[in-house]
Amino acid sequence: MTTIYGIPNCDTVKKARVWLQDHGLTAHFHDFKKQGVSPEMLDRWLAEQDWTVLINRKGTTWRSLDDATKATVTDAASAKALALTAPSVIKRPVVEWDSDHGGGVTVGFDAEAWAQRL
């Protein structure tokens, strides 16, 4: 089954969930805030997406970090460490697609790219 990861009150996650529903795709929702983010999840995502794609450096969480913390995020390992302690820094939604829809991991909502999966 396709799984969508994010925060329920995130506008982009809301749009993505509605889009999936409108296109007849049932997806499991995983709430970062309630269910957390595991090292294994991050390993899967970072195996398919560059850390610079996964970490939202334009978002509120990133901007609220002190400069010293930001400076330590320089590669996949340091991005993973940050995401484990502050999952809100992950760009949303992260989607793990089932094999019927191409498999793999995408980050962010792109209706056009998602439509190609259907």
PDB file of N, CA and C in Angstrom:
ATOM      1  N   MET A   1       0.838  -1.185   0.000  1.00  0.00           N
ATOM      2  CA  MET A   1       0.000   0.000   0.000  1.00  0.00           C
ATOM      3  C   MET A   1       0.883   1.249   0.000  1.00  0.00           C
ATOM      4  N   THR A   2       0.442   2.257  -0.682  1.00  0.00           N
ATOM      5  CA  THR A   2       1.124   3.541  -0.693  1.00  0.00           C
ATOM      6  C   THR A   2       0.966   4.187   0.679  1.00  0.00           C
ATOM      7  N   THR A   3       2.045   4.792   1.160  1.00  0.00           N
ATOM      8  CA  THR A   3       2.021   5.478   2.449  1.00  0.00           C
ATOM      9  C   THR A   3       2.449   6.921   2.241  1.00  0.00           C
ATOM     10  N   ILE A   4       1.671   7.816   2.829  1.00  0.00           N
ATOM     11  CA  ILE A   4       1.986   9.241   2.778  1.00  0.00           C
ATOM     12  C   ILE A   4       2.371   9.670   4.200  1.00  0.00           C
ATOM     13  N   TYR A   5       3.530  10.318   4.290  1.00  0.00           N
ATOM     14  CA  TYR A   5       4.077  10.741   5.574  1.00  0.00           C
ATOM     15  C   TYR A   5       4.014  12.255   5.660  1.00  0.00           C
ATOM     16  N   GLY A   6       3.609  12.747   6.827  1.00  0.00           N
ATOM     17  CA  GLY A   6       3.563  14.186   6.999  1.00  0.00           C
ATOM     18  C   GLY A   6       2.915  14.585   8.300  1.00  0.00           C
ATOM     19  N   ILE A   7       2.441  15.789   8.319  1.00  0.00           N
ATOM     20  CA  ILE A   7       1.771  16.378   9.473  1.00  0.00           C
ATOM     21  C   ILE A   7       0.366  16.750   9.020  1.00  0.00           C
ATOM     22  N   PRO A   8      -0.665  16.331   9.754  1.00  0.00           N
ATOM     23  CA  PRO A   8      -2.031  16.513   9.266  1.00  0.00           C
ATOM     24  C   PRO A   8      -2.463  17.953   9.024  1.00  0.00           C
ATOM     25  N   ASN A   9      -1.890  18.916   9.738  1.00  0.00           N
ATOM     26  CA  ASN A   9      -2.317  20.303   9.543  1.00  0.00           C
ATOM     27  C   ASN A   9      -1.482  21.045   8.501  1.00  0.00           C
ATOM     28  N   CYS A  10      -0.561  20.367   7.839  1.00  0.00           N
ATOM     29  CA  CYS A  10       0.245  20.970   6.780  1.00  0.00           C
ATOM     30  C   CYS A  10      -0.621  21.129   5.527  1.00  0.00           C
ATOM     31  N   ASP A  11      -0.677  22.321   4.973  1.00  0.00           N
ATOM     32  CA  ASP A  11      -1.516  22.581   3.801  1.00  0.00           C
ATOM     33  C   ASP A  11      -1.135  21.706   2.613  1.00  0.00           C
ATOM     34  N   THR A  12       0.149  21.498   2.399  1.00  0.00           N
ATOM     35  CA  THR A  12       0.585  20.678   1.269  1.00  0.00           C
ATOM     36  C   THR A  12       0.175  19.220   1.465  1.00  0.00           C
ATOM     37  N   VAL A  13       0.285  18.739   2.678  1.00  0.00           N
ATOM     38  CA  VAL A  13      -0.141  17.363   2.979  1.00  0.00           C
ATOM     39  C   VAL A  13      -1.649  17.237   2.780  1.00  0.00           C
ATOM     40  N   LYS A  14      -2.397  18.235   3.213  1.00  0.00           N
ATOM     41  CA  LYS A  14      -3.854  18.211   3.017  1.00  0.00           C
ATOM     42  C   LYS A  14      -4.197  18.124   1.529  1.00  0.00           C
ATOM     43  N   LYS A  15      -3.551  18.962   0.717  1.00  0.00           N
ATOM     44  CA  LYS A  15      -3.796  18.948  -0.730  1.00  0.00           C
ATOM     45  C   LYS A  15      -3.448  17.593  -1.326  1.00  0.00           C
ATOM     46  N   ALA A  16      -2.319  17.043  -0.904  1.00  0.00           N
ATOM     47  CA  ALA A  16      -1.869  15.757  -1.427  1.00  0.00           C
ATOM     48  C   ALA A  16      -2.843  14.639  -1.064  1.00  0.00           C
ATOM     49  N   ARG A  17      -3.312  14.631   0.152  1.00  0.00           N
ATOM     50  CA  ARG A  17      -4.253  13.585   0.590  1.00  0.00           C
ATOM     51  C   ARG A  17      -5.571  13.689  -0.177  1.00  0.00           C
ATOM     52  N   VAL A  18      -6.053  14.908  -0.370  1.00  0.00           N
ATOM     53  CA  VAL A  18      -7.278  15.107  -1.148  1.00  0.00           C
ATOM     54  C   VAL A  18      -7.061  14.653  -2.585  1.00  0.00           C
ATOM     55  N   TRP A  19      -5.922  15.007  -3.172  1.00  0.00           N
ATOM     56  CA  TRP A  19      -5.626  14.622  -4.544  1.00  0.00           C
ATOM     57  C   TRP A  19      -5.627  13.095  -4.676  1.00  0.00           C
ATOM     58  N   LEU A  20      -4.979  12.421  -3.765  1.00  0.00           N
ATOM     59  CA  LEU A  20      -4.953  10.951  -3.805  1.00  0.00           C
ATOM     60  C   LEU A  20      -6.362  10.380  -3.720  1.00  0.00           C
ATOM     61  N   GLN A  21      -7.146  10.895  -2.795  1.00  0.00           N
ATOM     62  CA  GLN A  21      -8.528  10.428  -2.626  1.00  0.00           C
ATOM     63  C   GLN A  21      -9.347  10.706  -3.885  1.00  0.00           C
ATOM     64  N   ASP A  22      -9.217  11.892  -4.439  1.00  0.00           N
ATOM     65  CA  ASP A  22      -9.964  12.258  -5.645  1.00  0.00           C
ATOM     66  C   ASP A  22      -9.600  11.383  -6.838  1.00  0.00           C
ATOM     67  N   HIS A  23      -8.397  10.814  -6.815  1.00  0.00           N
ATOM     68  CA  HIS A  23      -7.944   9.962  -7.908  1.00  0.00           C
ATOM     69  C   HIS A  23      -8.069   8.469  -7.574  1.00  0.00           C
ATOM     70  N   GLY A  24      -8.824   8.181  -6.512  1.00  0.00           N
ATOM     71  CA  GLY A  24      -9.151   6.796  -6.190  1.00  0.00           C
ATOM     72  C   GLY A  24      -8.023   5.977  -5.604  1.00  0.00           C
ATOM     73  N   LEU A  25      -7.015   6.633  -5.066  1.00  0.00           N
ATOM     74  CA  LEU A  25      -5.895   5.896  -4.492  1.00  0.00           C
ATOM     75  C   LEU A  25      -5.987   5.935  -2.970  1.00  0.00           C
ATOM     76  N   THR A  26      -6.124   4.772  -2.398  1.00  0.00           N
ATOM     77  CA  THR A  26      -6.139   4.667  -0.949  1.00  0.00           C
ATOM     78  C   THR A  26      -4.699   4.629  -0.462  1.00  0.00           C
ATOM     79  N   ALA A  27      -4.386   5.496   0.470  1.00  0.00           N
ATOM     80  CA  ALA A  27      -3.029   5.554   1.010  1.00  0.00           C
ATOM     81  C   ALA A  27      -3.100   5.595   2.528  1.00  0.00           C
ATOM     82  N   HIS A  28      -2.197   4.892   3.135  1.00  0.00           N
ATOM     83  CA  HIS A  28      -2.056   4.938   4.591  1.00  0.00           C
ATOM     84  C   HIS A  28      -1.389   6.261   4.953  1.00  0.00           C
ATOM     85  N   PHE A  29      -1.853   6.920   6.002  1.00  0.00           N
ATOM     86  CA  PHE A  29      -1.242   8.175   6.441  1.00  0.00           C
ATOM     87  C   PHE A  29      -0.438   7.934   7.707  1.00  0.00           C
ATOM     88  N   HIS A  30       0.799   8.407   7.706  1.00  0.00           N
ATOM     89  CA  HIS A  30       1.680   8.298   8.862  1.00  0.00           C
ATOM     90  C   HIS A  30       1.974   9.714   9.349  1.00  0.00           C
ATOM     91  N   ASP A  31       1.531  10.012  10.561  1.00  0.00           N
ATOM     92  CA  ASP A  31       1.690  11.330  11.171  1.00  0.00           C
ATOM     93  C   ASP A  31       3.046  11.418  11.880  1.00  0.00           C
ATOM     94  N   PHE A  32       3.927  12.278  11.357  1.00  0.00           N
ATOM     95  CA  PHE A  32       5.248  12.474  11.964  1.00  0.00           C
ATOM     96  C   PHE A  32       5.150  12.816  13.449  1.00  0.00           C
ATOM     97  N   LYS A  33       4.217  13.691  13.778  1.00  0.00           N
ATOM     98  CA  LYS A  33       4.139  14.185  15.154  1.00  0.00           C
ATOM     99  C   LYS A  33       3.711  13.100  16.128  1.00  0.00           C
ATOM    100  N   LYS A  34       2.753  12.272  15.738  1.00  0.00           N
ATOM    101  CA  LYS A  34       2.246  11.231  16.639  1.00  0.00           C
ATOM    102  C   LYS A  34       3.040   9.934  16.554  1.00  0.00           C
ATOM    103  N   GLN A  35       3.463   9.570  15.347  1.00  0.00           N
ATOM    104  CA  GLN A  35       4.090   8.274  15.146  1.00  0.00           C
ATOM    105  C   GLN A  35       5.601   8.342  14.974  1.00  0.00           C
ATOM    106  N   GLY A  36       6.120   9.547  14.850  1.00  0.00           N
ATOM    107  CA  GLY A  36       7.558   9.723  14.731  1.00  0.00           C
ATOM    108  C   GLY A  36       8.112   9.320  13.377  1.00  0.00           C
ATOM    109  N   VAL A  37       9.417   9.423  13.284  1.00  0.00           N
ATOM    110  CA  VAL A  37      10.159   9.053  12.089  1.00  0.00           C
ATOM    111  C   VAL A  37      11.299   8.160  12.555  1.00  0.00           C
ATOM    112  N   SER A  38      11.404   6.996  11.971  1.00  0.00           N
ATOM    113  CA  SER A  38      12.428   6.052  12.404  1.00  0.00           C
ATOM    114  C   SER A  38      13.697   6.187  11.557  1.00  0.00           C
ATOM    115  N   PRO A  39      14.824   5.726  12.096  1.00  0.00           N
ATOM    116  CA  PRO A  39      16.061   5.711  11.302  1.00  0.00           C
ATOM    117  C   PRO A  39      15.900   4.901  10.017  1.00  0.00           C
ATOM    118  N   GLU A  40      15.126   3.822  10.082  1.00  0.00           N
ATOM    119  CA  GLU A  40      14.912   2.983   8.902  1.00  0.00           C
ATOM    120  C   GLU A  40      14.142   3.723   7.809  1.00  0.00           C
ATOM    121  N   MET A  41      13.147   4.502   8.195  1.00  0.00           N
ATOM    122  CA  MET A  41      12.414   5.315   7.219  1.00  0.00           C
ATOM    123  C   MET A  41      13.364   6.278   6.523  1.00  0.00           C
ATOM    124  N   LEU A  42      14.129   6.983   7.323  1.00  0.00           N
ATOM    125  CA  LEU A  42      15.059   7.966   6.764  1.00  0.00           C
ATOM    126  C   LEU A  42      16.086   7.299   5.855  1.00  0.00           C
ATOM    127  N   ASP A  43      16.545   6.119   6.232  1.00  0.00           N
ATOM    128  CA  ASP A  43      17.488   5.399   5.368  1.00  0.00           C
ATOM    129  C   ASP A  43      16.860   5.088   4.012  1.00  0.00           C
ATOM    130  N   ARG A  44      15.596   4.629   4.019  1.00  0.00           N
ATOM    131  CA  ARG A  44      14.897   4.332   2.752  1.00  0.00           C
ATOM    132  C   ARG A  44      14.767   5.590   1.912  1.00  0.00           C
ATOM    133  N   TRP A  45      14.349   6.666   2.540  1.00  0.00           N
ATOM    134  CA  TRP A  45      14.124   7.905   1.809  1.00  0.00           C
ATOM    135  C   TRP A  45      15.426   8.472   1.260  1.00  0.00           C
ATOM    136  N   LEU A  46      16.460   8.439   2.072  1.00  0.00           N
ATOM    137  CA  LEU A  46      17.750   8.988   1.647  1.00  0.00           C
ATOM    138  C   LEU A  46      18.445   8.098   0.622  1.00  0.00           C
ATOM    139  N   ALA A  47      18.037   6.856   0.523  1.00  0.00           N
ATOM    140  CA  ALA A  47      18.572   5.974  -0.519  1.00  0.00           C
ATOM    141  C   ALA A  47      18.036   6.377  -1.889  1.00  0.00           C
ATOM    142  N   GLU A  48      16.878   7.054  -1.899  1.00  0.00           N
ATOM    143  CA  GLU A  48      16.234   7.422  -3.168  1.00  0.00           C
ATOM    144  C   GLU A  48      16.188   8.918  -3.442  1.00  0.00           C
ATOM    145  N   GLN A  49      16.320   9.706  -2.400  1.00  0.00           N
ATOM    146  CA  GLN A  49      16.251  11.162  -2.553  1.00  0.00           C
ATOM    147  C   GLN A  49      17.471  11.793  -1.892  1.00  0.00           C
ATOM    148  N   ASP A  50      18.032  12.788  -2.522  1.00  0.00           N
ATOM    149  CA  ASP A  50      19.157  13.497  -1.935  1.00  0.00           C
ATOM    150  C   ASP A  50      18.704  14.209  -0.665  1.00  0.00           C
ATOM    151  N   TRP A  51      19.603  14.321   0.291  1.00  0.00           N
ATOM    152  CA  TRP A  51      19.246  14.976   1.547  1.00  0.00           C
ATOM    153  C   TRP A  51      18.806  16.417   1.329  1.00  0.00           C
ATOM    154  N   THR A  52      19.307  17.061   0.293  1.00  0.00           N
ATOM    155  CA  THR A  52      18.927  18.449   0.025  1.00  0.00           C
ATOM    156  C   THR A  52      17.482  18.553  -0.449  1.00  0.00           C
ATOM    157  N   VAL A  53      16.934  17.464  -0.944  1.00  0.00           N
ATOM    158  CA  VAL A  53      15.519  17.417  -1.331  1.00  0.00           C
ATOM    159  C   VAL A  53      14.667  17.119  -0.106  1.00  0.00           C
ATOM    160  N   LEU A  54      15.146  16.215   0.735  1.00  0.00           N
ATOM    161  CA  LEU A  54      14.369  15.766   1.895  1.00  0.00           C
ATOM    162  C   LEU A  54      14.259  16.821   2.988  1.00  0.00           C
ATOM    163  N   ILE A  55      15.312  17.581   3.186  1.00  0.00           N
ATOM    164  CA  ILE A  55      15.302  18.594   4.251  1.00  0.00           C
ATOM    165  C   ILE A  55      14.770  19.913   3.679  1.00  0.00           C
ATOM    166  N   ASN A  56      13.725  20.420   4.313  1.00  0.00           N
ATOM    167  CA  ASN A  56      13.093  21.662   3.864  1.00  0.00           C
ATOM    168  C   ASN A  56      13.823  22.850   4.486  1.00  0.00           C
ATOM    169  N   ARG A  57      14.737  23.408   3.726  1.00  0.00           N
ATOM    170  CA  ARG A  57      15.533  24.531   4.227  1.00  0.00           C
ATOM    171  C   ARG A  57      14.839  25.878   4.012  1.00  0.00           C
ATOM    172  N   LYS A  58      13.598  25.842   3.563  1.00  0.00           N
ATOM    173  CA  LYS A  58      12.830  27.085   3.418  1.00  0.00           C
ATOM    174  C   LYS A  58      11.728  27.186   4.474  1.00  0.00           C
ATOM    175  N   GLY A  59      11.506  26.110   5.204  1.00  0.00           N
ATOM    176  CA  GLY A  59      10.404  26.050   6.152  1.00  0.00           C
ATOM    177  C   GLY A  59      10.692  26.714   7.485  1.00  0.00           C
ATOM    178  N   THR A  60       9.652  26.855   8.260  1.00  0.00           N
ATOM    179  CA  THR A  60       9.718  27.507   9.562  1.00  0.00           C
ATOM    180  C   THR A  60      10.652  26.780  10.520  1.00  0.00           C
ATOM    181  N   THR A  61      10.597  25.460  10.511  1.00  0.00           N
ATOM    182  CA  THR A  61      11.438  24.705  11.439  1.00  0.00           C
ATOM    183  C   THR A  61      12.914  24.965  11.164  1.00  0.00           C
ATOM    184  N   TRP A  62      13.297  24.902   9.893  1.00  0.00           N
ATOM    185  CA  TRP A  62      14.697  25.168   9.542  1.00  0.00           C
ATOM    186  C   TRP A  62      15.097  26.587   9.942  1.00  0.00           C
ATOM    187  N   ARG A  63      14.249  27.543   9.612  1.00  0.00           N
ATOM    188  CA  ARG A  63      14.565  28.946   9.907  1.00  0.00           C
ATOM    189  C   ARG A  63      14.693  29.203  11.407  1.00  0.00           C
ATOM    190  N   SER A  64      13.999  28.396  12.211  1.00  0.00           N
ATOM    191  CA  SER A  64      14.064  28.597  13.660  1.00  0.00           C
ATOM    192  C   SER A  64      15.308  27.970  14.291  1.00  0.00           C
ATOM    193  N   LEU A  65      16.050  27.162  13.526  1.00  0.00           N
ATOM    194  CA  LEU A  65      17.274  26.561  14.056  1.00  0.00           C
ATOM    195  C   LEU A  65      18.371  27.616  14.173  1.00  0.00           C
ATOM    196  N   ASP A  66      19.234  27.443  15.159  1.00  0.00           N
ATOM    197  CA  ASP A  66      20.365  28.378  15.274  1.00  0.00           C
ATOM    198  C   ASP A  66      21.369  28.096  14.156  1.00  0.00           C
ATOM    199  N   ASP A  67      22.164  29.083  13.849  1.00  0.00           N
ATOM    200  CA  ASP A  67      23.112  28.976  12.733  1.00  0.00           C
ATOM    201  C   ASP A  67      24.104  27.836  12.927  1.00  0.00           C
ATOM    202  N   ALA A  68      24.497  27.582  14.157  1.00  0.00           N
ATOM    203  CA  ALA A  68      25.449  26.501  14.421  1.00  0.00           C
ATOM    204  C   ALA A  68      24.847  25.149  14.045  1.00  0.00           C
ATOM    205  N   THR A  69      23.589  24.934  14.363  1.00  0.00           N
ATOM    206  CA  THR A  69      22.920  23.676  14.016  1.00  0.00           C
ATOM    207  C   THR A  69      22.790  23.554  12.502  1.00  0.00           C
ATOM    208  N   LYS A  70      22.354  24.622  11.858  1.00  0.00           N
ATOM    209  CA  LYS A  70      22.242  24.608  10.395  1.00  0.00           C
ATOM    210  C   LYS A  70      23.571  24.262   9.738  1.00  0.00           C
ATOM    211  N   ALA A  71      24.650  24.803  10.270  1.00  0.00           N
ATOM    212  CA  ALA A  71      25.979  24.590   9.688  1.00  0.00           C
ATOM    213  C   ALA A  71      26.425  23.135   9.789  1.00  0.00           C
ATOM    214  N   THR A  72      25.855  22.380  10.714  1.00  0.00           N
ATOM    215  CA  THR A  72      26.261  20.976  10.866  1.00  0.00           C
ATOM    216  C   THR A  72      25.597  20.062   9.840  1.00  0.00           C
ATOM    217  N   VAL A  73      24.575  20.549   9.157  1.00  0.00           N
ATOM    218  CA  VAL A  73      23.850  19.725   8.183  1.00  0.00           C
ATOM    219  C   VAL A  73      24.527  19.881   6.823  1.00  0.00           C
ATOM    220  N   THR A  74      25.394  18.924   6.526  1.00  0.00           N
ATOM    221  CA  THR A  74      26.216  19.024   5.325  1.00  0.00           C
ATOM    222  C   THR A  74      26.178  17.782   4.443  1.00  0.00           C
ATOM    223  N   ASP A  75      25.514  16.735   4.923  1.00  0.00           N
ATOM    224  CA  ASP A  75      25.462  15.489   4.158  1.00  0.00           C
ATOM    225  C   ASP A  75      24.277  14.656   4.633  1.00  0.00           C
ATOM    226  N   ALA A  76      24.105  13.483   4.045  1.00  0.00           N
ATOM    227  CA  ALA A  76      22.955  12.636   4.369  1.00  0.00           C
ATOM    228  C   ALA A  76      22.950  12.225   5.837  1.00  0.00           C
ATOM    229  N   ALA A  77      24.101  11.901   6.382  1.00  0.00           N
ATOM    230  CA  ALA A  77      24.162  11.459   7.777  1.00  0.00           C
ATOM    231  C   ALA A  77      23.741  12.574   8.740  1.00  0.00           C
ATOM    232  N   SER A  78      24.227  13.783   8.508  1.00  0.00           N
ATOM    233  CA  SER A  78      23.858  14.891   9.395  1.00  0.00           C
ATOM    234  C   SER A  78      22.408  15.312   9.180  1.00  0.00           C
ATOM    235  N   ALA A  79      21.912  15.191   7.957  1.00  0.00           N
ATOM    236  CA  ALA A  79      20.501  15.478   7.685  1.00  0.00           C
ATOM    237  C   ALA A  79      19.610  14.469   8.403  1.00  0.00           C
ATOM    238  N   LYS A  80      20.012  13.214   8.377  1.00  0.00           N
ATOM    239  CA  LYS A  80      19.265  12.159   9.077  1.00  0.00           C
ATOM    240  C   LYS A  80      19.223  12.446  10.575  1.00  0.00           C
ATOM    241  N   ALA A  81      20.354  12.801  11.149  1.00  0.00           N
ATOM    242  CA  ALA A  81      20.404  13.101  12.582  1.00  0.00           C
ATOM    243  C   ALA A  81      19.457  14.245  12.938  1.00  0.00           C
ATOM    244  N   LEU A  82      19.447  15.285  12.124  1.00  0.00           N
ATOM    245  CA  LEU A  82      18.544  16.408  12.375  1.00  0.00           C
ATOM    246  C   LEU A  82      17.089  15.972  12.251  1.00  0.00           C
ATOM    247  N   ALA A  83      16.767  15.217  11.201  1.00  0.00           N
ATOM    248  CA  ALA A  83      15.384  14.789  10.973  1.00  0.00           C
ATOM    249  C   ALA A  83      14.871  13.890  12.091  1.00  0.00           C
ATOM    250  N   LEU A  84      15.756  13.128  12.708  1.00  0.00           N
ATOM    251  CA  LEU A  84      15.346  12.282  13.836  1.00  0.00           C
ATOM    252  C   LEU A  84      14.971  13.111  15.054  1.00  0.00           C
ATOM    253  N   THR A  85      15.660  14.223  15.249  1.00  0.00           N
ATOM    254  CA  THR A  85      15.367  15.063  16.417  1.00  0.00           C
ATOM    255  C   THR A  85      14.302  16.116  16.130  1.00  0.00           C
ATOM    256  N   ALA A  86      14.158  16.505  14.856  1.00  0.00           N
ATOM    257  CA  ALA A  86      13.188  17.540  14.472  1.00  0.00           C
ATOM    258  C   ALA A  86      12.507  17.133  13.166  1.00  0.00           C
ATOM    259  N   PRO A  87      11.584  16.153  13.214  1.00  0.00           N
ATOM    260  CA  PRO A  87      10.965  15.660  11.978  1.00  0.00           C
ATOM    261  C   PRO A  87      10.211  16.721  11.185  1.00  0.00           C
ATOM    262  N   SER A  88       9.844  17.813  11.808  1.00  0.00           N
ATOM    263  CA  SER A  88       9.143  18.875  11.078  1.00  0.00           C
ATOM    264  C   SER A  88      10.031  19.537  10.033  1.00  0.00           C
ATOM    265  N   VAL A  89      11.335  19.267  10.068  1.00  0.00           N
ATOM    266  CA  VAL A  89      12.247  19.832   9.080  1.00  0.00           C
ATOM    267  C   VAL A  89      12.196  19.060   7.759  1.00  0.00           C
ATOM    268  N   ILE A  90      11.514  17.912   7.760  1.00  0.00           N
ATOM    269  CA  ILE A  90      11.396  17.108   6.544  1.00  0.00           C
ATOM    270  C   ILE A  90      10.358  17.744   5.625  1.00  0.00           C
ATOM    271  N   LYS A  91      10.727  17.891   4.355  1.00  0.00           N
ATOM    272  CA  LYS A  91       9.791  18.431   3.373  1.00  0.00           C
ATOM    273  C   LYS A  91       8.634  17.454   3.221  1.00  0.00           C
ATOM    274  N   ARG A  92       7.440  17.999   3.118  1.00  0.00           N
ATOM    275  CA  ARG A  92       6.239  17.152   3.087  1.00  0.00           C
ATOM    276  C   ARG A  92       5.439  17.364   1.818  1.00  0.00           C
ATOM    277  N   PRO A  93       4.687  16.320   1.478  1.00  0.00           N
ATOM    278  CA  PRO A  93       4.709  14.978   2.055  1.00  0.00           C
ATOM    279  C   PRO A  93       5.829  14.131   1.462  1.00  0.00           C
ATOM    280  N   VAL A  94       6.205  13.114   2.220  1.00  0.00           N
ATOM    281  CA  VAL A  94       7.046  12.045   1.691  1.00  0.00           C
ATOM    282  C   VAL A  94       6.083  10.913   1.371  1.00  0.00           C
ATOM    283  N   VAL A  95       6.204  10.354   0.171  1.00  0.00           N
ATOM    284  CA  VAL A  95       5.320   9.266  -0.225  1.00  0.00           C
ATOM    285  C   VAL A  95       6.149   8.058  -0.619  1.00  0.00           C
ATOM    286  N   GLU A  96       5.825   6.931  -0.018  1.00  0.00           N
ATOM    287  CA  GLU A  96       6.380   5.649  -0.435  1.00  0.00           C
ATOM    288  C   GLU A  96       5.297   4.994  -1.275  1.00  0.00           C
ATOM    289  N   TRP A  97       5.522   4.926  -2.576  1.00  0.00           N
ATOM    290  CA  TRP A  97       4.538   4.424  -3.523  1.00  0.00           C
ATOM    291  C   TRP A  97       4.577   2.904  -3.585  1.00  0.00           C
ATOM    292  N   ASP A  98       3.407   2.300  -3.686  1.00  0.00           N
ATOM    293  CA  ASP A  98       3.372   0.851  -3.853  1.00  0.00           C
ATOM    294  C   ASP A  98       3.796   0.494  -5.274  1.00  0.00           C
ATOM    295  N   SER A  99       4.053  -0.787  -5.503  1.00  0.00           N
ATOM    296  CA  SER A  99       4.567  -1.229  -6.809  1.00  0.00           C
ATOM    297  C   SER A  99       3.568  -0.994  -7.940  1.00  0.00           C
ATOM    298  N   ASP A 100       2.277  -0.967  -7.628  1.00  0.00           N
ATOM    299  CA  ASP A 100       1.266  -0.695  -8.656  1.00  0.00           C
ATOM    300  C   ASP A 100       1.355   0.736  -9.188  1.00  0.00           C
ATOM    301  N   HIS A 101       2.004   1.597  -8.435  1.00  0.00           N
ATOM    302  CA  HIS A 101       2.113   3.007  -8.809  1.00  0.00           C
ATOM    303  C   HIS A 101       3.575   3.436  -8.971  1.00  0.00           C
ATOM    304  N   GLY A 102       4.389   2.507  -9.397  1.00  0.00           N
ATOM    305  CA  GLY A 102       5.772   2.812  -9.747  1.00  0.00           C
ATOM    306  C   GLY A 102       6.793   2.620  -8.651  1.00  0.00           C
ATOM    307  N   GLY A 103       6.331   2.385  -7.418  1.00  0.00           N
ATOM    308  CA  GLY A 103       7.266   2.206  -6.321  1.00  0.00           C
ATOM    309  C   GLY A 103       8.087   3.459  -6.071  1.00  0.00           C
ATOM    310  N   GLY A 104       9.012   3.349  -5.172  1.00  0.00           N
ATOM    311  CA  GLY A 104       9.919   4.453  -4.900  1.00  0.00           C
ATOM    312  C   GLY A 104       9.375   5.477  -3.920  1.00  0.00           C
ATOM    313  N   VAL A 105      10.155   6.525  -3.766  1.00  0.00           N
ATOM    314  CA  VAL A 105       9.863   7.576  -2.797  1.00  0.00           C
ATOM    315  C   VAL A 105       9.863   8.927  -3.506  1.00  0.00           C
ATOM    316  N   THR A 106       8.841   9.712  -3.240  1.00  0.00           N
ATOM    317  CA  THR A 106       8.817  11.088  -3.720  1.00  0.00           C
ATOM    318  C   THR A 106       8.700  12.022  -2.524  1.00  0.00           C
ATOM    319  N   VAL A 107       9.162  13.249  -2.719  1.00  0.00           N
ATOM    320  CA  VAL A 107       9.116  14.266  -1.669  1.00  0.00           C
ATOM    321  C   VAL A 107       8.429  15.490  -2.243  1.00  0.00           C
ATOM    322  N   GLY A 108       7.439  15.988  -1.505  1.00  0.00           N
ATOM    323  CA  GLY A 108       6.673  17.141  -1.967  1.00  0.00           C
ATOM    324  C   GLY A 108       5.482  16.688  -2.807  1.00  0.00           C
ATOM    325  N   PHE A 109       4.622  17.613  -3.093  1.00  0.00           N
ATOM    326  CA  PHE A 109       3.415  17.325  -3.870  1.00  0.00           C
ATOM    327  C   PHE A 109       3.553  17.905  -5.262  1.00  0.00           C
ATOM    328  N   ASP A 110       3.445  17.024  -6.255  1.00  0.00           N
ATOM    329  CA  ASP A 110       3.523  17.419  -7.655  1.00  0.00           C
ATOM    330  C   ASP A 110       2.416  16.661  -8.399  1.00  0.00           C
ATOM    331  N   ALA A 111       1.265  17.304  -8.563  1.00  0.00           N
ATOM    332  CA  ALA A 111       0.097  16.656  -9.151  1.00  0.00           C
ATOM    333  C   ALA A 111       0.401  16.068 -10.525  1.00  0.00           C
ATOM    334  N   GLU A 112       1.155  16.770 -11.328  1.00  0.00           N
ATOM    335  CA  GLU A 112       1.465  16.291 -12.675  1.00  0.00           C
ATOM    336  C   GLU A 112       2.298  15.005 -12.622  1.00  0.00           C
ATOM    337  N   ALA A 113       3.326  14.997 -11.804  1.00  0.00           N
ATOM    338  CA  ALA A 113       4.173  13.802 -11.676  1.00  0.00           C
ATOM    339  C   ALA A 113       3.387  12.650 -11.067  1.00  0.00           C
ATOM    340  N   TRP A 114       2.532  12.956 -10.106  1.00  0.00           N
ATOM    341  CA  TRP A 114       1.735  11.911  -9.476  1.00  0.00           C
ATOM    342  C   TRP A 114       0.742  11.327 -10.469  1.00  0.00           C
ATOM    343  N   ALA A 115       0.159  12.159 -11.313  1.00  0.00           N
ATOM    344  CA  ALA A 115      -0.810  11.675 -12.310  1.00  0.00           C
ATOM    345  C   ALA A 115      -0.161  10.660 -13.241  1.00  0.00           C
ATOM    346  N   GLN A 116       1.107  10.822 -13.546  1.00  0.00           N
ATOM    347  CA  GLN A 116       1.814   9.877 -14.406  1.00  0.00           C
ATOM    348  C   GLN A 116       1.940   8.508 -13.756  1.00  0.00           C
ATOM    349  N   ARG A 117       1.878   8.443 -12.444  1.00  0.00           N
ATOM    350  CA  ARG A 117       1.955   7.179 -11.728  1.00  0.00           C
ATOM    351  C   ARG A 117       0.658   6.385 -11.819  1.00  0.00           C
ATOM    352  N   LEU A 118      -0.434   7.081 -12.085  1.00  0.00           N
ATOM    353  CA  LEU A 118      -1.724   6.396 -12.140  1.00  0.00           C
ATOM    354  C   LEU A 118      -1.928   5.835 -13.522  1.00  0.00           C
TER     355      LEU A 118
END
